[in-house]
């Protein structure tokens, strides 16, 4: 979900709300009766909390749902931030240990120490060792290709696991403005119904009902904007995490390639190894 696409619901909500208010302005100017106000502005000051308490039941339900969605957003942010930070530190440490090793066996022994013995990078290393064991009696040409496929599957699985929960952020970011707009439209509709049932034309009586409806849109935007920002932030972090796993996979492929070349060189008689050099010298 890009930033431009995520901002579209907010623009639609604002434009629709502006059209509703512009349509209502002539009617108020002509002296049509205003809605029944549920708030006595003289006895109780007009505030967001007061408007929420005196709002229609449907509007209150919409506000409550949006408040819960906002709570879910910040819960996911806290949990995913801690999870991603730990995973990226572990992947970075494991990749550095693989880069410092001279062979796959040394890399496996280095990963088996401390907190790097588990995790996606350890799974990548175990997959490389298992593929070498399974291909011990097969030609070396296809080992690296089969290993690359196995490593790609592990990297994709780790990326999917790390992305769990971010889809909820995308849903909240794209739907919360429309849910808030629904509450606003419902509240304004009730306000216009009240206009037909009362004969008062004071703007002080009209304003509370309209203000109650607008609170729903404000809460919808309050829930949607952080969700979109957090979603895009996590998308970048997860992409960086997958790049770390790709670096670890590249280190393992290099170790396997060197180990296979060493095994081939050890199995080749010295005279055969020197033959190409002698032919080139002649």
Protein backbone atom coordinates (compact mmCIF):
# COMPACT_ATOMS: atom_id res chain seq x y z
CA UNK A 1 0.00 0.00 0.00
CA UNK A 2 1.76 3.17 -1.18
CA UNK A 3 1.49 6.52 0.56
CA UNK A 4 -0.55 7.98 -2.30
CA UNK A 5 -3.02 5.10 -2.29
CA UNK A 6 -3.31 5.21 1.47
CA UNK A 7 -4.08 8.95 1.40
CA UNK A 8 -6.94 8.50 -1.08
CA UNK A 9 -9.55 7.48 1.54
CA UNK A 10 -8.72 10.58 3.58
CA UNK A 11 -9.16 12.83 0.57
CA UNK A 12 -12.44 11.13 -0.34
CA UNK A 13 -13.74 11.51 3.20
CA UNK A 14 -12.80 15.19 3.33
CA UNK A 15 -14.31 15.93 -0.08
CA UNK A 16 -17.56 14.10 0.72
CA UNK A 17 -17.88 15.85 4.05
CA UNK A 18 -17.31 19.23 2.41
CA UNK A 19 -20.04 18.51 -0.10
CA UNK A 20 -22.46 17.58 2.69
CA UNK A 21 -21.76 20.78 4.61
CA UNK A 22 -21.98 22.92 1.47
CA UNK A 23 -25.31 21.33 0.66
CA UNK A 24 -26.58 22.06 4.16
CA UNK A 25 -25.43 25.68 4.22
CA UNK A 26 -28.15 27.10 1.93
CA UNK A 27 -30.84 25.37 3.91
CA UNK A 28 -29.57 26.87 7.15
CA UNK A 29 -29.29 30.29 5.52
CA UNK A 30 -32.93 30.08 4.42
CA UNK A 31 -34.04 29.52 8.01
CA UNK A 32 -34.98 25.86 7.91
CA UNK A 33 -35.38 24.32 11.36
CA UNK A 34 -32.17 22.91 12.84
CA UNK A 35 -31.71 19.48 14.44
CA UNK A 36 -32.62 18.73 18.00
CA UNK A 37 -29.47 19.33 20.02
CA UNK A 38 -28.73 16.77 22.63
CA UNK A 39 -26.22 19.06 24.35
CA UNK A 40 -27.15 22.10 26.38
CA UNK A 41 -24.16 24.29 25.58
CA UNK A 42 -25.03 26.69 28.37
CA UNK A 43 -25.19 24.02 31.05
CA UNK A 44 -22.33 21.88 29.74
CA UNK A 45 -19.32 23.18 27.76
CA UNK A 46 -18.98 21.76 24.25
CA UNK A 47 -15.93 19.46 24.13
CA UNK A 48 -14.97 16.31 22.21
CA UNK A 49 -15.70 14.11 25.22
CA UNK A 50 -19.09 15.76 25.71
CA UNK A 51 -19.95 15.23 22.04
CA UNK A 52 -18.93 11.56 22.25
CA UNK A 53 -21.12 10.99 25.32
CA UNK A 54 -24.16 12.64 23.74
CA UNK A 55 -23.72 11.12 20.26
CA UNK A 56 -26.15 8.67 18.69
CA UNK A 57 -25.72 5.00 19.59
CA UNK A 58 -24.62 4.11 16.05
CA UNK A 59 -22.09 6.94 16.02
CA UNK A 60 -20.80 5.87 19.44
CA UNK A 61 -20.40 2.31 18.13
CA UNK A 62 -18.41 3.61 15.17
CA UNK A 63 -16.21 5.68 17.48
CA UNK A 64 -15.65 2.71 19.78
CA UNK A 65 -14.68 0.47 16.88
CA UNK A 66 -12.23 3.04 15.55
CA UNK A 67 -10.72 3.53 19.00
CA UNK A 68 -10.23 -0.24 19.24
CA UNK A 69 -8.62 -0.26 15.78
CA UNK A 70 -6.21 2.44 16.95
CA UNK A 71 -5.34 0.36 20.00
CA UNK A 72 -4.67 -2.65 17.74
CA UNK A 73 -2.42 -0.50 15.55
CA UNK A 74 -0.21 0.60 18.42
CA UNK A 75 -0.13 -2.92 19.88
CA UNK A 76 1.12 -4.30 16.56
CA UNK A 77 3.65 -1.47 16.35
CA UNK A 78 5.11 -2.31 19.76
CA UNK A 79 5.18 -6.09 19.21
CA UNK A 80 6.58 -5.91 15.66
CA UNK A 81 9.20 -3.32 16.57
CA UNK A 82 10.61 -5.59 19.25
CA UNK A 83 10.38 -8.69 17.03
CA UNK A 84 12.05 -7.04 14.04
CA UNK A 85 14.81 -5.48 16.13
CA UNK A 86 15.73 -8.84 17.66
CA UNK A 87 15.52 -10.69 14.34
CA UNK A 88 17.69 -8.16 12.51
CA UNK A 89 20.35 -8.19 15.24
CA UNK A 90 20.47 -11.98 15.19
CA UNK A 91 20.60 -12.15 11.38
CA UNK A 92 23.38 -9.56 11.27
CA UNK A 93 25.47 -11.38 13.88
CA UNK A 94 24.97 -14.75 12.15
CA UNK A 95 25.91 -13.32 8.74
CA UNK A 96 29.12 -11.84 10.15
CA UNK A 97 30.07 -15.21 11.64
CA UNK A 98 29.52 -16.89 8.27
CA UNK A 99 31.62 -14.23 6.53
CA UNK A 100 34.50 -14.81 8.97
CA UNK A 101 34.49 -18.61 8.42
CA UNK A 102 36.69 -20.30 5.82
CA UNK A 103 34.38 -23.24 5.10
CA UNK A 104 30.85 -24.42 5.64
CA UNK A 105 31.85 -26.60 8.57
CA UNK A 106 33.54 -23.66 10.28
CA UNK A 107 30.45 -21.55 9.65
CA UNK A 108 28.20 -24.21 11.19
CA UNK A 109 30.41 -24.42 14.27
CA UNK A 110 30.42 -20.62 14.58
CA UNK A 111 26.64 -20.46 14.36
CA UNK A 112 26.26 -23.20 16.97
CA UNK A 113 27.63 -20.87 19.64
CA UNK A 114 25.34 -18.52 21.51
CA UNK A 115 22.05 -17.07 20.32
CA UNK A 116 22.75 -17.62 16.59
CA UNK A 117 22.17 -21.38 16.85
CA UNK A 118 18.49 -20.80 16.02
CA UNK A 119 16.73 -18.58 13.54
CA UNK A 120 16.44 -18.27 9.75
CA UNK A 121 20.21 -17.97 9.16
CA UNK A 122 20.81 -21.17 11.14
CA UNK A 123 18.07 -22.81 9.06
CA UNK A 124 19.85 -21.68 5.90
CA UNK A 125 23.13 -23.18 7.10
CA UNK A 126 21.47 -26.46 8.05
CA UNK A 127 19.80 -26.61 4.63
CA UNK A 128 23.19 -26.15 2.96
CA UNK A 129 24.77 -28.94 5.02
CA UNK A 130 21.82 -31.26 4.36
CA UNK A 131 21.98 -30.63 0.61
CA UNK A 132 25.70 -31.47 0.58
CA UNK A 133 25.03 -34.74 2.41
CA UNK A 134 22.20 -35.68 0.06
CA UNK A 135 24.31 -34.86 -3.01
CA UNK A 136 27.46 -36.65 -1.83
CA UNK A 137 27.17 -39.30 -4.57
CA UNK A 138 25.89 -36.94 -7.27
CA UNK A 139 27.74 -34.67 -9.72
CA UNK A 140 28.74 -31.34 -8.22
CA UNK A 141 27.27 -29.32 -11.08
CA UNK A 142 23.70 -29.40 -9.76
CA UNK A 143 24.44 -28.93 -6.07
CA UNK A 144 24.56 -25.15 -6.15
CA UNK A 145 21.36 -24.91 -8.18
CA UNK A 146 19.42 -27.15 -5.80
CA UNK A 147 20.87 -25.31 -2.82
CA UNK A 148 19.85 -21.92 -4.24
CA UNK A 149 16.26 -23.17 -4.56
CA UNK A 150 16.22 -24.43 -0.97
CA UNK A 151 17.69 -21.18 0.37
CA UNK A 152 15.17 -19.07 -1.56
CA UNK A 153 12.29 -21.05 -0.03
CA UNK A 154 13.62 -20.52 3.50
CA UNK A 155 14.12 -16.79 2.89
CA UNK A 156 10.57 -16.43 1.55
CA UNK A 157 9.14 -18.33 4.52
CA UNK A 158 11.04 -16.16 6.99
CA UNK A 159 9.78 -13.03 5.23
CA UNK A 160 6.18 -14.25 5.44
CA UNK A 161 6.53 -14.99 9.13
CA UNK A 162 7.97 -11.55 9.80
CA UNK A 163 5.18 -9.86 7.81
CA UNK A 164 2.42 -11.41 9.93
CA UNK A 165 0.21 -8.73 11.41
CA UNK A 166 1.12 -5.99 8.95
CA UNK A 167 -1.89 -6.83 6.82
CA UNK A 168 -4.08 -5.68 9.70
CA UNK A 169 -2.36 -2.28 9.55
CA UNK A 170 -3.08 -2.04 5.84
CA UNK A 171 -6.75 -2.87 6.44
CA UNK A 172 -7.09 -0.30 9.21
CA UNK A 173 -5.34 2.36 7.18
CA UNK A 174 -7.56 1.87 4.15
CA UNK A 175 -10.95 1.36 5.83
CA UNK A 176 -10.88 3.53 8.98
CA UNK A 177 -11.57 6.81 7.08
CA UNK A 178 -14.61 5.26 5.43
CA UNK A 179 -15.88 3.89 8.73
CA UNK A 180 -15.48 7.33 10.29
CA UNK A 181 -17.24 8.87 7.30
CA UNK A 182 -20.12 6.46 7.80
CA UNK A 183 -20.49 7.69 11.39
CA UNK A 184 -20.37 11.29 10.18
CA UNK A 185 -23.01 10.73 7.50
CA UNK A 186 -25.23 8.93 10.01
CA UNK A 187 -24.86 11.75 12.52
CA UNK A 188 -25.60 14.46 9.93
CA UNK A 189 -28.60 12.46 8.72
CA UNK A 190 -29.98 12.40 12.26
CA UNK A 191 -29.26 16.12 12.53
CA UNK A 192 -31.32 16.82 9.41
CA UNK A 193 -34.11 14.63 10.75
CA UNK A 194 -34.07 16.82 13.82
CA UNK A 195 -34.35 19.89 11.59
CA UNK A 196 -37.71 18.65 10.38
CA UNK A 197 -38.95 18.05 13.93
CA UNK A 198 -38.07 21.39 15.54
CA UNK A 199 -38.76 25.01 14.65
CA UNK A 200 -35.59 26.58 15.96
CA UNK A 201 -33.13 28.17 13.55
CA UNK A 202 -30.25 29.23 15.79
CA UNK A 203 -26.78 28.13 14.64
CA UNK A 204 -25.92 27.45 18.28
CA UNK A 205 -28.53 24.69 18.18
CA UNK A 206 -27.38 23.32 14.83
CA UNK A 207 -23.65 23.24 15.63
CA UNK A 208 -23.63 20.55 18.37
CA UNK A 209 -25.32 17.94 16.18
CA UNK A 210 -22.94 18.62 13.27
CA UNK A 211 -19.94 18.63 15.61
CA UNK A 212 -20.92 15.24 17.05
CA UNK A 213 -20.96 13.79 13.54
CA UNK A 214 -17.58 15.28 12.65
CA UNK A 215 -15.92 13.64 15.65
CA UNK A 216 -16.40 10.24 13.96
CA UNK A 217 -14.40 11.34 10.92
CA UNK A 218 -11.69 12.80 13.16
CA UNK A 219 -11.37 9.51 15.05
CA UNK A 220 -11.28 7.61 11.75
CA UNK A 221 -8.37 9.72 10.55
CA UNK A 222 -6.70 9.39 13.95
CA UNK A 223 -6.82 5.60 13.52
CA UNK A 224 -5.89 5.51 9.82
CA UNK A 225 -2.93 7.88 9.58
CA UNK A 226 -0.67 6.12 12.13
CA UNK A 227 -1.64 2.73 10.65
CA UNK A 228 -0.48 3.79 7.18
CA UNK A 229 2.77 5.29 8.49
CA UNK A 230 3.56 2.22 10.62
CA UNK A 231 2.70 -0.14 7.76
CA UNK A 232 5.11 1.59 5.37
CA UNK A 233 7.78 1.68 8.07
CA UNK A 234 7.47 -2.06 8.67
CA UNK A 235 7.49 -2.74 4.92
CA UNK A 236 10.90 -1.07 4.67
CA UNK A 237 12.24 -2.89 7.72
CA UNK A 238 11.05 -6.28 6.46
CA UNK A 239 12.63 -5.62 3.06
CA UNK A 240 15.91 -4.88 4.82
CA UNK A 241 15.56 -8.04 6.90
CA UNK A 242 15.05 -10.15 3.77
CA UNK A 243 18.14 -8.51 2.27
CA UNK A 244 20.10 -9.64 5.34
CA UNK A 245 18.90 -13.21 4.80
CA UNK A 246 19.86 -12.97 1.13
CA UNK A 247 23.38 -11.91 2.17
CA UNK A 248 23.59 -14.91 4.50
CA UNK A 249 22.45 -17.19 1.69
CA UNK A 250 25.11 -15.74 -0.61
CA UNK A 251 27.79 -16.44 2.01
CA UNK A 252 26.60 -20.04 2.26
CA UNK A 253 26.64 -20.49 -1.52
CA UNK A 254 30.20 -19.20 -1.59
CA UNK A 255 31.25 -21.63 1.15
CA UNK A 256 29.62 -24.55 -0.69
CA UNK A 257 31.26 -23.55 -3.96
CA UNK A 258 34.69 -23.36 -2.33
CA UNK A 259 34.19 -26.66 -0.52
CA UNK A 260 33.20 -28.39 -3.75
CA UNK A 261 36.23 -26.95 -5.56
CA UNK A 262 38.50 -28.06 -2.74
CA UNK A 263 37.03 -31.58 -2.84
CA UNK A 264 37.45 -31.71 -6.61
CA UNK A 265 41.04 -30.49 -6.37
CA UNK A 266 41.85 -33.02 -3.66
CA UNK A 267 40.41 -35.87 -5.75
CA UNK A 268 42.35 -34.86 -8.86
CA UNK A 269 45.91 -36.33 -9.19
CA UNK A 270 48.69 -33.73 -9.20
CA UNK A 271 49.79 -34.72 -12.69
CA UNK A 272 46.31 -34.08 -14.05
CA UNK A 273 46.13 -30.70 -12.30
CA UNK A 274 49.52 -29.67 -13.80
CA UNK A 275 48.64 -30.80 -17.33
CA UNK A 276 46.71 -27.65 -18.34
CA UNK A 277 49.53 -25.48 -17.01
CA UNK A 278 52.16 -27.40 -19.00
CA UNK A 279 50.03 -27.21 -22.14
CA UNK A 280 49.67 -23.47 -21.75
CA UNK A 281 53.42 -23.07 -21.25
CA UNK A 282 54.16 -24.93 -24.50
